Amino acid sequence: MSRHDRTYDDSIEARARRRVSRKMGFLIHVFVFVVVNVALYTVNSVTGEPRWSHFPLFGWGLGLAIHGIVTFIALQGEGVRRGMLAREIEHLRQSER
């Protein structure tokens, strides 16, 4: 394996680690969201108070949705960035001729 191949493999592994980290961060957020909101709903149901558990559910749900959108865009945007980088490199190579 040449030095270039090792560098390329390391780069792919680093990108894969970042992608897995983003996905795991979102999944952990979903898990905590579900556990906490089920607990809040249970407490609200047991105490018999007027329904208040939907307020944190909707507020946090909005934050979770934004986190999901940002995660999706970041994972999809990687291909867009690579395409833009390739076009810029080609443009610079042609302008040097």
C-alpha atoms as a PDB file:
ATOM      1  CA  MET A   1       0.000   0.000   0.000  1.00  0.00           C
ATOM      2  CA  SER A   2       1.454   3.355  -1.011  1.00  0.00           C
ATOM      3  CA  ARG A   3       1.555   6.424   1.174  1.00  0.00           C
ATOM      4  CA  HIS A   4      -1.154   8.048  -0.974  1.00  0.00           C
ATOM      5  CA  ASP A   5      -3.447   5.052  -0.470  1.00  0.00           C
ATOM      6  CA  ARG A   6      -2.955   5.225   3.305  1.00  0.00           C
ATOM      7  CA  THR A   7      -3.781   8.946   3.317  1.00  0.00           C
ATOM      8  CA  TYR A   8      -6.878   8.318   1.225  1.00  0.00           C
ATOM      9  CA  ASP A   9      -7.984   5.483   3.514  1.00  0.00           C
ATOM     10  CA  ASP A  10      -7.422   7.671   6.595  1.00  0.00           C
ATOM     11  CA  SER A  11      -9.464  10.415   5.002  1.00  0.00           C
ATOM     12  CA  ILE A  12     -12.313   8.021   4.275  1.00  0.00           C
ATOM     13  CA  GLU A  13     -12.150   6.630   7.806  1.00  0.00           C
ATOM     14  CA  ALA A  14     -12.193  10.155   9.263  1.00  0.00           C
ATOM     15  CA  ARG A  15     -15.217  11.077   7.133  1.00  0.00           C
ATOM     16  CA  ALA A  16     -16.967   7.849   8.106  1.00  0.00           C
ATOM     17  CA  ARG A  17     -16.292   8.542  11.795  1.00  0.00           C
ATOM     18  CA  ARG A  18     -17.755  12.056  11.471  1.00  0.00           C
ATOM     19  CA  ARG A  19     -20.847  10.703   9.695  1.00  0.00           C
ATOM     20  CA  VAL A  20     -21.383   7.990  12.325  1.00  0.00           C
ATOM     21  CA  SER A  21     -20.885  10.573  15.081  1.00  0.00           C
ATOM     22  CA  ARG A  22     -23.573  12.818  13.563  1.00  0.00           C
ATOM     23  CA  LYS A  23     -26.000   9.914  13.227  1.00  0.00           C
ATOM     24  CA  MET A  24     -25.336   8.671  16.771  1.00  0.00           C
ATOM     25  CA  GLY A  25     -25.774  12.179  18.174  1.00  0.00           C
ATOM     26  CA  PHE A  26     -29.190  12.425  16.541  1.00  0.00           C
ATOM     27  CA  LEU A  27     -30.233   8.923  17.652  1.00  0.00           C
ATOM     28  CA  ILE A  28     -29.223   9.666  21.252  1.00  0.00           C
ATOM     29  CA  HIS A  29     -31.241  12.890  21.069  1.00  0.00           C
ATOM     30  CA  VAL A  30     -34.296  10.917  19.845  1.00  0.00           C
ATOM     31  CA  PHE A  31     -33.902   8.339  22.620  1.00  0.00           C
ATOM     32  CA  VAL A  32     -33.630  10.955  25.371  1.00  0.00           C
ATOM     33  CA  PHE A  33     -36.576  12.874  23.865  1.00  0.00           C
ATOM     34  CA  VAL A  34     -38.803   9.798  23.966  1.00  0.00           C
ATOM     35  CA  VAL A  35     -37.772   8.694  27.484  1.00  0.00           C
ATOM     36  CA  VAL A  36     -38.129  12.140  29.055  1.00  0.00           C
ATOM     37  CA  ASN A  37     -41.427  12.951  27.350  1.00  0.00           C
ATOM     38  CA  VAL A  38     -42.953   9.595  28.290  1.00  0.00           C
ATOM     39  CA  ALA A  39     -41.886  10.274  31.892  1.00  0.00           C
ATOM     40  CA  LEU A  40     -43.367  13.784  31.801  1.00  0.00           C
ATOM     41  CA  TYR A  41     -46.615  12.457  30.355  1.00  0.00           C
ATOM     42  CA  THR A  42     -46.762   9.766  33.049  1.00  0.00           C
ATOM     43  CA  VAL A  43     -46.163  12.274  35.841  1.00  0.00           C
ATOM     44  CA  ASN A  44     -48.780  14.586  34.339  1.00  0.00           C
ATOM     45  CA  SER A  45     -51.310  11.750  34.101  1.00  0.00           C
ATOM     46  CA  VAL A  46     -50.692  10.508  37.656  1.00  0.00           C
ATOM     47  CA  THR A  47     -50.935  13.945  39.289  1.00  0.00           C
ATOM     48  CA  GLY A  48     -54.205  14.751  37.537  1.00  0.00           C
ATOM     49  CA  GLU A  49     -53.122  18.315  36.890  1.00  0.00           C
ATOM     50  CA  PRO A  50     -54.366  20.063  33.757  1.00  0.00           C
ATOM     51  CA  ARG A  51     -52.412  18.884  30.726  1.00  0.00           C
ATOM     52  CA  TRP A  52     -49.027  20.614  30.742  1.00  0.00           C
ATOM     53  CA  SER A  53     -46.853  17.792  29.351  1.00  0.00           C
ATOM     54  CA  HIS A  54     -47.578  18.764  25.742  1.00  0.00           C
ATOM     55  CA  PHE A  55     -45.686  22.078  26.109  1.00  0.00           C
ATOM     56  CA  PRO A  56     -42.229  20.503  26.527  1.00  0.00           C
ATOM     57  CA  LEU A  57     -43.202  17.862  23.955  1.00  0.00           C
ATOM     58  CA  PHE A  58     -43.891  20.457  21.251  1.00  0.00           C
ATOM     59  CA  GLY A  59     -40.992  22.741  22.162  1.00  0.00           C
ATOM     60  CA  TRP A  60     -38.428  19.972  22.353  1.00  0.00           C
ATOM     61  CA  GLY A  61     -40.006  18.281  19.334  1.00  0.00           C
ATOM     62  CA  LEU A  62     -39.296  21.411  17.299  1.00  0.00           C
ATOM     63  CA  GLY A  63     -35.678  21.346  18.458  1.00  0.00           C
ATOM     64  CA  LEU A  64     -35.440  17.644  17.608  1.00  0.00           C
ATOM     65  CA  ALA A  65     -36.873  18.278  14.134  1.00  0.00           C
ATOM     66  CA  ILE A  66     -34.306  21.028  13.534  1.00  0.00           C
ATOM     67  CA  HIS A  67     -31.525  18.701  14.721  1.00  0.00           C
ATOM     68  CA  GLY A  68     -32.774  16.036  12.289  1.00  0.00           C
ATOM     69  CA  ILE A  69     -32.868  18.491   9.375  1.00  0.00           C
ATOM     70  CA  VAL A  70     -29.373  19.786  10.132  1.00  0.00           C
ATOM     71  CA  THR A  71     -28.063  16.215  10.401  1.00  0.00           C
ATOM     72  CA  PHE A  72     -29.688  15.217   7.099  1.00  0.00           C
ATOM     73  CA  ILE A  73     -28.362  18.307   5.298  1.00  0.00           C
ATOM     74  CA  ALA A  74     -24.866  17.774   6.708  1.00  0.00           C
ATOM     75  CA  LEU A  75     -24.829  14.145   5.543  1.00  0.00           C
ATOM     76  CA  GLN A  76     -26.224  14.987   2.097  1.00  0.00           C
ATOM     77  CA  GLY A  77     -24.156  18.158   1.747  1.00  0.00           C
ATOM     78  CA  GLU A  78     -20.912  16.213   1.807  1.00  0.00           C
ATOM     79  CA  GLY A  79     -21.470  15.128  -1.801  1.00  0.00           C
ATOM     80  CA  VAL A  80     -22.355  18.665  -2.830  1.00  0.00           C
ATOM     81  CA  ARG A  81     -19.143  19.993  -1.275  1.00  0.00           C
ATOM     82  CA  ARG A  82     -17.054  17.369  -3.056  1.00  0.00           C
ATOM     83  CA  GLY A  83     -18.662  18.300  -6.387  1.00  0.00           C
ATOM     84  CA  MET A  84     -18.049  22.010  -5.825  1.00  0.00           C
ATOM     85  CA  LEU A  85     -14.438  21.318  -4.832  1.00  0.00           C
ATOM     86  CA  ALA A  86     -13.855  19.238  -7.970  1.00  0.00           C
ATOM     87  CA  ARG A  87     -15.287  22.028 -10.159  1.00  0.00           C
ATOM     88  CA  GLU A  88     -13.114  24.653  -8.456  1.00  0.00           C
ATOM     89  CA  ILE A  89      -9.982  22.523  -8.885  1.00  0.00           C
ATOM     90  CA  GLU A  90     -10.785  22.048 -12.566  1.00  0.00           C
ATOM     91  CA  HIS A  91     -11.434  25.773 -12.982  1.00  0.00           C
ATOM     92  CA  LEU A  92      -8.101  26.672 -11.353  1.00  0.00           C
ATOM     93  CA  ARG A  93      -6.231  24.128 -13.449  1.00  0.00           C
ATOM     94  CA  GLN A  94      -7.706  25.568 -16.638  1.00  0.00           C
ATOM     95  CA  SER A  95      -6.962  29.163 -15.595  1.00  0.00           C
ATOM     96  CA  GLU A  96      -3.262  28.283 -15.021  1.00  0.00           C
ATOM     97  CA  ARG A  97      -2.825  27.100 -18.601  1.00  0.00           C
END
